[in-house]
Protein backbone atom coordinates (compact mmCIF):
# COMPACT_ATOMS: atom_id res chain seq x y z
CA UNK A 1 -63.53 34.70 93.61
CA UNK A 2 -66.16 33.26 95.78
CA UNK A 3 -66.17 32.55 99.46
CA UNK A 4 -69.15 30.12 100.88
CA UNK A 5 -70.62 31.49 104.48
CA UNK A 6 -71.76 29.24 107.14
CA UNK A 7 -74.48 27.52 104.99
CA UNK A 8 -73.20 26.40 101.81
CA UNK A 9 -74.42 29.40 99.58
CA UNK A 10 -71.90 31.56 97.90
CA UNK A 11 -71.60 35.06 98.42
CA UNK A 12 -70.10 38.25 96.75
CA UNK A 13 -70.79 40.78 99.12
CA UNK A 14 -69.46 38.84 101.95
CA UNK A 15 -66.18 38.94 99.98
CA UNK A 16 -65.96 42.42 99.14
CA UNK A 17 -66.65 43.50 103.11
CA UNK A 18 -63.73 41.95 104.42
CA UNK A 19 -61.34 42.37 100.88
CA UNK A 20 -62.64 46.00 101.95
CA UNK A 21 -62.04 45.52 105.55
CA UNK A 22 -58.14 43.94 104.90
CA UNK A 23 -57.47 47.27 102.96
CA UNK A 24 -59.06 49.62 105.54
CA UNK A 25 -56.39 48.05 107.97
CA UNK A 26 -53.27 48.03 105.71
CA UNK A 27 -53.97 51.35 104.95
CA UNK A 28 -54.29 51.99 108.67
CA UNK A 29 -51.18 50.22 109.74
CA UNK A 30 -49.47 52.40 106.72
CA UNK A 31 -50.42 55.88 108.25
CA UNK A 32 -49.68 54.40 111.88
CA UNK A 33 -45.84 54.01 110.28
CA UNK A 34 -46.42 57.33 108.35
CA UNK A 35 -46.97 59.43 111.47
CA UNK A 36 -44.50 57.26 113.83
CA UNK A 37 -41.69 58.03 110.78
CA UNK A 38 -42.90 61.83 110.94
CA UNK A 39 -42.70 61.95 114.57
CA UNK A 40 -39.16 60.33 114.92
CA UNK A 41 -37.89 62.65 112.11
CA UNK A 42 -39.35 65.77 113.51
CA UNK A 43 -38.08 64.98 117.01
CA UNK A 44 -34.62 64.54 115.72
CA UNK A 45 -35.01 67.74 113.55
CA UNK A 46 -35.96 69.19 116.88
CA UNK A 47 -33.11 68.48 119.04
CA UNK A 48 -30.13 68.95 116.32
CA UNK A 49 -31.15 72.50 115.07
CA UNK A 50 -31.17 74.40 118.36
CA UNK A 51 -27.82 72.27 119.20
CA UNK A 52 -25.72 73.17 116.15
CA UNK A 53 -27.62 76.85 115.97
CA UNK A 54 -26.11 77.28 119.34
CA UNK A 55 -22.72 76.11 118.70
CA UNK A 56 -22.66 78.72 115.67
CA UNK A 57 -24.33 81.60 118.33
CA UNK A 58 -26.74 82.28 115.52
CA UNK A 59 -29.95 82.87 118.29
CA UNK A 60 -30.90 85.59 119.51
CA UNK A 61 -32.92 85.11 122.74
CA UNK A 62 -33.49 88.53 123.69
CA UNK A 63 -36.94 88.67 122.06
CA UNK A 64 -37.54 85.27 123.60
CA UNK A 65 -37.25 86.64 126.96
CA UNK A 66 -38.22 89.97 127.01
CA UNK A 67 -42.05 87.73 125.97
CA UNK A 68 -41.50 85.07 128.64
CA UNK A 69 -40.86 87.93 131.19
CA UNK A 70 -44.30 89.65 129.87
CA UNK A 71 -46.22 86.87 130.43
CA UNK A 72 -44.73 86.50 134.14
CA UNK A 73 -45.89 89.57 134.90
CA UNK A 74 -49.40 88.76 133.84
CA UNK A 75 -49.64 85.46 135.80
CA UNK A 76 -50.32 87.16 139.14
CA UNK A 77 -52.96 88.91 137.99
CA UNK A 78 -54.58 86.20 136.77
CA UNK A 79 -54.09 84.17 140.09
CA UNK A 80 -55.67 87.18 141.80
CA UNK A 81 -58.77 87.07 139.17
CA UNK A 82 -59.52 83.77 139.59
CA UNK A 83 -58.96 83.93 143.16
CA UNK A 84 -61.33 86.68 143.17
CA UNK A 85 -63.97 84.90 141.27
CA UNK A 86 -64.04 81.13 142.92
CA UNK A 87 -66.27 82.56 145.66
CA UNK A 88 -68.53 83.87 143.51
CA UNK A 89 -68.92 80.80 141.55
CA UNK A 90 -69.39 78.99 144.34
CA UNK A 91 -72.48 81.07 145.98
CA UNK A 92 -73.98 80.59 142.30
CA UNK A 93 -73.37 76.66 142.03
CA UNK A 94 -75.25 76.38 145.53
CA UNK A 95 -77.81 78.51 144.93
CA UNK A 96 -78.58 77.03 142.15
CA UNK A 97 -78.25 73.83 143.42
CA UNK A 98 -80.90 74.98 146.13
CA UNK A 99 -83.07 76.43 143.17
CA UNK A 100 -83.38 73.06 140.96
CA UNK A 101 -83.89 70.96 144.23
CA UNK A 102 -87.07 73.18 145.41
CA UNK A 103 -88.13 73.41 141.97
CA UNK A 104 -87.86 69.20 141.88
CA UNK A 105 -89.77 69.79 144.62
CA UNK A 106 -92.76 71.62 143.58
CA UNK A 107 -93.26 69.41 140.42
CA UNK A 108 -92.91 66.00 142.37
CA UNK A 109 -96.10 67.82 144.10
CA UNK A 110 -97.75 69.15 140.93
CA UNK A 111 -97.05 65.58 139.53
CA UNK A 112 -98.94 63.95 142.94
CA UNK A 113 -101.55 66.65 142.75
CA UNK A 114 -102.46 65.78 138.79
CA UNK A 115 -102.42 61.70 139.88
CA UNK A 116 -105.52 63.13 141.80
CA UNK A 117 -107.54 64.78 139.35
CA UNK A 118 -107.71 61.92 137.14
């Protein structure tokens, strides 16, 4: 089927573009519904499974609790490392800013001097 554009001429390419864009919109809507459905189903599965397993006593939490205690022992060392490196990073940032600032001033002077050479 041919549609007319605004200037009373028939063009088949505009039909293909609009059909393609309509199909893309429909596919996007279907994909959105699939993702939303999968999210809801996954959320229901995650909430339902631990409850039923906890009632039967089938979950062994000792491995998870050992892992969590190991991770929490690492956090103070990481905090000390971060607080130790922050002053160094700040010093490097300030020095870099000052060097870049003076470099920009020297480049401006150099550009002004090259202007007088012309």
